[in-house]
């Protein structure tokens, strides 16, 4: 990685429980406003999520990639559902990686 390239964003940070909760709150308050910041994904966030999705064999991975590709066309409720789907895929794979790592005593 060169100095000019920013550090990739950890997708678990993008898809945190706090972010999901804020997206749900925005959905309830804004009445389907996809421009709310908690529901938006910027280009770096999308790239990070896309990279995470490509690295997993989840049965809904292809669908999740389609949702991400069409993000700008989605209504707010579909974006919140997309965030939940992305979080499930990314967090499941994170849990599976760490399950085998026991605590040494």
Protein backbone atom coordinates (compact mmCIF):
# COMPACT_ATOMS: atom_id res chain seq x y z
CA UNK A 1 0.00 0.00 0.00
CA UNK A 2 1.41 3.39 -0.95
CA UNK A 3 1.28 6.57 1.07
CA UNK A 4 -1.33 8.04 -1.28
CA UNK A 5 -3.82 5.24 -0.64
CA UNK A 6 -5.92 5.55 2.50
CA UNK A 7 -6.09 2.67 4.93
CA UNK A 8 -9.04 0.40 4.14
CA UNK A 9 -11.97 0.75 6.49
CA UNK A 10 -12.77 -2.27 8.64
CA UNK A 11 -16.25 -3.37 7.50
CA UNK A 12 -17.16 -4.36 11.07
CA UNK A 13 -16.72 -0.69 12.01
CA UNK A 14 -18.97 0.42 9.16
CA UNK A 15 -21.60 -2.17 10.07
CA UNK A 16 -21.52 -1.71 13.84
CA UNK A 17 -24.55 -2.18 16.06
CA UNK A 18 -24.50 1.56 16.71
CA UNK A 19 -24.69 2.33 12.98
CA UNK A 20 -27.53 -0.17 12.47
CA UNK A 21 -29.44 1.31 15.41
CA UNK A 22 -28.96 4.83 14.03
CA UNK A 23 -30.19 3.67 10.62
CA UNK A 24 -33.34 2.22 12.18
CA UNK A 25 -33.89 5.43 14.17
CA UNK A 26 -33.41 7.54 11.03
CA UNK A 27 -35.81 5.34 9.13
CA UNK A 28 -38.51 5.82 11.73
CA UNK A 29 -37.90 9.56 12.05
CA UNK A 30 -37.36 10.54 8.43
CA UNK A 31 -40.16 8.59 6.80
CA UNK A 32 -38.10 6.95 4.06
CA UNK A 33 -35.35 9.55 3.50
CA UNK A 34 -32.39 7.73 1.86
CA UNK A 35 -30.19 10.82 2.21
CA UNK A 36 -29.83 10.38 5.99
CA UNK A 37 -26.16 9.98 6.94
CA UNK A 38 -26.60 6.79 8.93
CA UNK A 39 -28.19 5.12 5.91
CA UNK A 40 -25.71 6.46 3.34
CA UNK A 41 -22.52 4.63 2.38
CA UNK A 42 -19.69 6.62 0.87
CA UNK A 43 -17.42 5.22 -1.83
CA UNK A 44 -14.75 4.01 0.62
CA UNK A 45 -17.36 2.26 2.77
CA UNK A 46 -18.88 0.60 -0.27
CA UNK A 47 -15.47 -0.56 -1.46
CA UNK A 48 -14.67 -2.00 1.95
CA UNK A 49 -18.00 -3.85 2.14
CA UNK A 50 -17.63 -5.12 -1.43
CA UNK A 51 -14.17 -6.45 -0.62
CA UNK A 52 -15.52 -8.17 2.51
CA UNK A 53 -18.44 -9.69 0.58
CA UNK A 54 -16.10 -11.03 -2.11
CA UNK A 55 -14.08 -12.86 0.51
CA UNK A 56 -16.97 -14.95 1.84
CA UNK A 57 -19.07 -17.81 0.57
CA UNK A 58 -22.34 -16.85 2.26
CA UNK A 59 -25.39 -18.11 0.34
CA UNK A 60 -26.72 -14.54 0.06
CA UNK A 61 -23.37 -13.04 -0.95
CA UNK A 62 -24.36 -12.54 -4.59
CA UNK A 63 -27.62 -10.89 -3.60
CA UNK A 64 -25.77 -8.67 -1.10
CA UNK A 65 -23.39 -7.56 -3.84
CA UNK A 66 -26.38 -6.68 -6.06
CA UNK A 67 -27.89 -4.64 -3.22
CA UNK A 68 -24.59 -2.81 -2.81
CA UNK A 69 -24.30 -2.19 -6.56
CA UNK A 70 -27.80 -0.64 -6.62
CA UNK A 71 -27.38 1.32 -3.38
CA UNK A 72 -28.11 4.76 -4.86
CA UNK A 73 -31.42 3.51 -6.30
CA UNK A 74 -32.72 2.00 -3.06
CA UNK A 75 -35.28 3.50 -0.71
CA UNK A 76 -34.28 4.05 2.90
CA UNK A 77 -36.00 0.89 4.18
CA UNK A 78 -34.15 -1.22 1.59
CA UNK A 79 -30.88 0.42 2.61
CA UNK A 80 -31.47 -0.46 6.26
CA UNK A 81 -32.24 -4.04 5.22
CA UNK A 82 -29.05 -4.00 3.16
CA UNK A 83 -27.00 -2.83 6.14
CA UNK A 84 -28.44 -5.71 8.17
CA UNK A 85 -27.61 -8.19 5.42
CA UNK A 86 -24.06 -6.88 5.04
CA UNK A 87 -23.56 -7.00 8.81
CA UNK A 88 -24.80 -10.59 9.00
CA UNK A 89 -22.42 -11.74 6.28
CA UNK A 90 -19.39 -9.79 7.51
CA UNK A 91 -19.92 -10.50 11.20
CA UNK A 92 -20.64 -14.19 10.64
CA UNK A 93 -17.37 -14.64 8.80
CA UNK A 94 -15.55 -12.66 11.51
CA UNK A 95 -17.04 -14.93 14.18
CA UNK A 96 -16.10 -18.05 12.20
CA UNK A 97 -12.49 -16.89 11.93
CA UNK A 98 -12.21 -16.30 15.66
CA UNK A 99 -14.11 -19.39 16.89
CA UNK A 100 -11.10 -21.63 16.35
CA UNK A 101 -8.83 -19.26 18.19
CA UNK A 102 -8.92 -20.48 21.76
CA UNK A 103 -7.62 -18.72 24.83
CA UNK A 104 -4.28 -20.07 25.96
CA UNK A 105 -3.96 -20.51 29.68
